[in-house]
Amino acid sequence: MNKRRTPAYAIALGGSLAALAVTIMSLGTLIPIATYVCPVLCMVVLNILAMICGERIGWAWYGAVALLSTLLAPDKEAAAMFVFLGYYPLIKPKLDKARLKWLWKILFFNVTIFAAYWFLMHLLGMAAIAEEFREMGAVLTAAMLVLGNLTFFLLDRLLSRNFRRKK
């Protein structure tokens, strides 16, 4: 079998994995915690695609899945999480090379999460999310943010377990 991968191989693999990712994002309403699990699973799929096909195909894949998820996924909060955080596997290698990489990663995650929820509440007018945060109270909301940071760093560790990435 020919070991050399052609552009058609990358496009076919990207299309198949994009269909898988959109399906995963569409399943986000079945289980309440899936709002956060589905975007993470899609980021793992993106990491696999970027390892096999390269960063350029990865960016195109991210754009297609983000657009399709926004249009087709019933859980708009999950779709927004993917739109705002889904490209992390593509920028992670650059953050890993930076000085104080953990500080940059914490800053990236928290700024992105605050921007995503501001966008959902203020620009899209999803008042139900603001009401959820009010009902949870400040302590539970802070605990949720801490657990989100912990989950993000577990994802970071998982994404670090790759072999070689194509440029």
Protein backbone atom coordinates (compact mmCIF):
# COMPACT_ATOMS: atom_id res chain seq x y z
CA MET A 1 0.00 0.00 0.00
CA ASN A 2 1.22 3.50 -0.82
CA LYS A 3 2.36 5.28 2.37
CA ARG A 4 2.21 8.72 0.72
CA ARG A 5 -0.96 10.61 1.48
CA THR A 6 -2.52 12.64 -1.28
CA PRO A 7 -4.57 15.85 -0.94
CA ALA A 8 -7.66 13.79 -1.77
CA TYR A 9 -6.94 11.61 1.27
CA ALA A 10 -6.79 14.68 3.53
CA ILE A 11 -10.02 16.10 2.12
CA ALA A 12 -11.87 12.78 2.41
CA LEU A 13 -10.65 12.21 5.96
CA GLY A 14 -11.47 15.80 6.89
CA GLY A 15 -14.98 15.51 5.47
CA SER A 16 -15.64 12.23 7.28
CA LEU A 17 -14.34 13.57 10.59
CA ALA A 18 -16.31 16.80 10.10
CA ALA A 19 -19.50 14.76 9.68
CA LEU A 20 -18.62 12.88 12.86
CA ALA A 21 -18.00 16.14 14.73
CA VAL A 22 -21.27 17.73 13.59
CA THR A 23 -23.08 14.56 14.67
CA ILE A 24 -21.39 14.76 18.07
CA MET A 25 -22.38 18.41 18.40
CA SER A 26 -25.96 17.56 17.43
CA LEU A 27 -26.16 15.03 20.25
CA GLY A 28 -25.48 17.77 22.79
CA THR A 29 -29.08 18.07 23.96
CA LEU A 30 -29.49 14.44 24.98
CA ILE A 31 -27.52 14.74 28.23
CA PRO A 32 -27.23 18.09 30.06
CA ILE A 33 -23.47 17.78 30.73
CA ALA A 34 -22.97 17.16 27.00
CA THR A 35 -23.00 20.94 26.56
CA TYR A 36 -19.36 20.83 27.64
CA VAL A 37 -18.45 17.27 26.66
CA CYS A 38 -19.38 17.52 22.96
CA PRO A 39 -17.05 20.47 22.17
CA VAL A 40 -14.20 18.67 23.99
CA LEU A 41 -14.78 15.51 21.96
CA CYS A 42 -14.73 17.59 18.79
CA MET A 43 -11.43 19.18 19.87
CA VAL A 44 -9.95 15.69 20.27
CA VAL A 45 -11.14 14.83 16.75
CA LEU A 46 -9.56 18.08 15.49
CA ASN A 47 -6.29 17.18 17.18
CA ILE A 48 -6.28 13.78 15.45
CA LEU A 49 -7.01 15.41 12.09
CA ALA A 50 -4.26 18.01 12.60
CA MET A 51 -1.76 15.26 13.45
CA ILE A 52 -2.59 13.33 10.29
CA CYS A 53 -3.33 16.06 7.73
CA GLY A 54 -1.63 19.17 9.10
CA GLU A 55 -2.57 22.53 10.54
CA ARG A 56 -3.90 24.03 7.30
CA ILE A 57 -6.53 21.31 6.84
CA GLY A 58 -7.22 21.61 10.58
CA TRP A 59 -8.17 25.29 10.26
CA ALA A 60 -10.46 24.57 7.31
CA TRP A 61 -12.03 21.69 9.27
CA TYR A 62 -12.54 23.88 12.32
CA GLY A 63 -14.26 26.56 10.23
CA ALA A 64 -16.59 24.06 8.56
CA VAL A 65 -17.53 22.31 11.82
CA ALA A 66 -18.00 25.61 13.67
CA LEU A 67 -20.30 26.92 10.95
CA LEU A 68 -22.29 23.69 10.63
CA SER A 69 -22.56 23.29 14.41
CA THR A 70 -23.85 26.82 14.76
CA LEU A 71 -26.49 26.18 12.11
CA LEU A 72 -27.48 22.58 12.90
CA ALA A 73 -26.79 21.83 16.57
CA PRO A 74 -29.85 22.27 18.77
CA ASP A 75 -27.73 23.22 21.79
CA LYS A 76 -26.51 26.72 20.93
CA GLU A 77 -24.46 26.95 24.13
CA ALA A 78 -22.44 23.88 23.09
CA ALA A 79 -22.04 25.28 19.58
CA ALA A 80 -20.78 28.57 21.05
CA MET A 81 -18.30 26.69 23.24
CA PHE A 82 -16.93 25.00 20.13
CA VAL A 83 -16.82 28.24 18.14
CA PHE A 84 -14.94 30.04 20.92
CA LEU A 85 -12.70 27.19 22.15
CA GLY A 86 -12.65 24.63 19.34
CA TYR A 87 -9.49 25.89 17.67
CA TYR A 88 -7.41 25.33 20.82
CA PRO A 89 -5.69 22.16 19.46
CA LEU A 90 -4.37 24.28 16.58
CA ILE A 91 -2.88 27.05 18.73
CA LYS A 92 -1.72 24.75 21.54
CA PRO A 93 1.72 24.05 19.97
CA LYS A 94 2.39 27.80 19.86
CA LEU A 95 1.30 28.25 23.47
CA ASP A 96 3.48 25.33 24.53
CA LYS A 97 6.55 27.15 23.18
CA ALA A 98 5.77 30.40 25.01
CA ARG A 99 7.36 31.46 28.26
CA LEU A 100 4.93 31.13 31.19
CA LYS A 101 2.81 28.80 29.07
CA TRP A 102 0.47 27.89 31.94
CA LEU A 103 -0.32 31.54 32.57
CA TRP A 104 -1.11 32.08 28.88
CA LYS A 105 -3.30 28.98 28.83
CA ILE A 106 -5.24 30.08 31.93
CA LEU A 107 -5.66 33.53 30.43
CA PHE A 108 -6.76 32.09 27.08
CA PHE A 109 -9.39 29.82 28.64
CA ASN A 110 -10.87 32.35 31.05
CA VAL A 111 -11.01 35.24 28.57
CA THR A 112 -12.55 32.94 25.97
CA ILE A 113 -15.18 31.58 28.37
CA PHE A 114 -16.15 35.06 29.55
CA ALA A 115 -16.33 36.28 25.94
CA ALA A 116 -18.46 33.29 24.91
CA TYR A 117 -20.97 33.77 27.71
CA TRP A 118 -21.06 37.54 27.20
CA PHE A 119 -21.79 36.90 23.52
CA LEU A 120 -24.53 34.38 24.35
CA MET A 121 -26.22 36.56 26.97
CA HIS A 122 -25.84 40.05 25.51
CA LEU A 123 -25.66 39.67 21.75
CA LEU A 124 -27.82 36.59 21.26
CA GLY A 125 -30.14 37.48 24.13
CA MET A 126 -30.12 34.06 25.78
CA ALA A 127 -31.59 35.25 29.06
CA ALA A 128 -32.04 31.66 30.26
CA ILE A 129 -28.27 31.36 30.74
CA ALA A 130 -28.13 34.55 32.80
CA GLU A 131 -31.04 33.24 34.87
CA GLU A 132 -29.21 29.93 35.44
CA PHE A 133 -26.19 31.81 36.76
CA ARG A 134 -28.40 33.91 39.06
CA GLU A 135 -30.09 30.78 40.41
CA MET A 136 -26.76 29.04 41.01
CA GLY A 137 -25.35 31.97 42.94
CA ALA A 138 -21.82 33.34 43.03
CA VAL A 139 -20.24 30.43 44.90
CA LEU A 140 -21.58 27.75 42.56
CA THR A 141 -20.74 29.83 39.50
CA ALA A 142 -17.16 30.27 40.78
CA ALA A 143 -16.97 26.52 41.48
CA MET A 144 -18.15 25.86 37.93
CA LEU A 145 -15.41 28.14 36.58
CA VAL A 146 -12.78 26.36 38.68
CA LEU A 147 -14.01 22.98 37.43
CA GLY A 148 -13.95 24.37 33.89
CA ASN A 149 -10.29 25.36 34.34
CA LEU A 150 -9.48 21.91 35.73
CA THR A 151 -11.23 20.25 32.79
CA PHE A 152 -9.38 22.52 30.37
CA PHE A 153 -6.03 21.46 31.80
CA LEU A 154 -7.03 17.81 31.63
CA LEU A 155 -7.89 18.41 27.97
CA ASP A 156 -4.53 20.11 27.52
CA ARG A 157 -2.78 17.03 28.93
CA LEU A 158 -4.83 14.77 26.67
CA LEU A 159 -3.95 16.83 23.60
CA SER A 160 -0.27 16.71 24.59
CA ARG A 161 -0.27 12.96 24.14
CA ASN A 162 0.10 13.23 20.37
CA PHE A 163 2.98 11.90 18.32
CA ARG A 164 4.15 14.14 15.50
CA ARG A 165 2.14 16.92 13.91
CA LYS A 166 2.49 17.76 10.24
CA LYS A 167 3.29 21.38 9.47
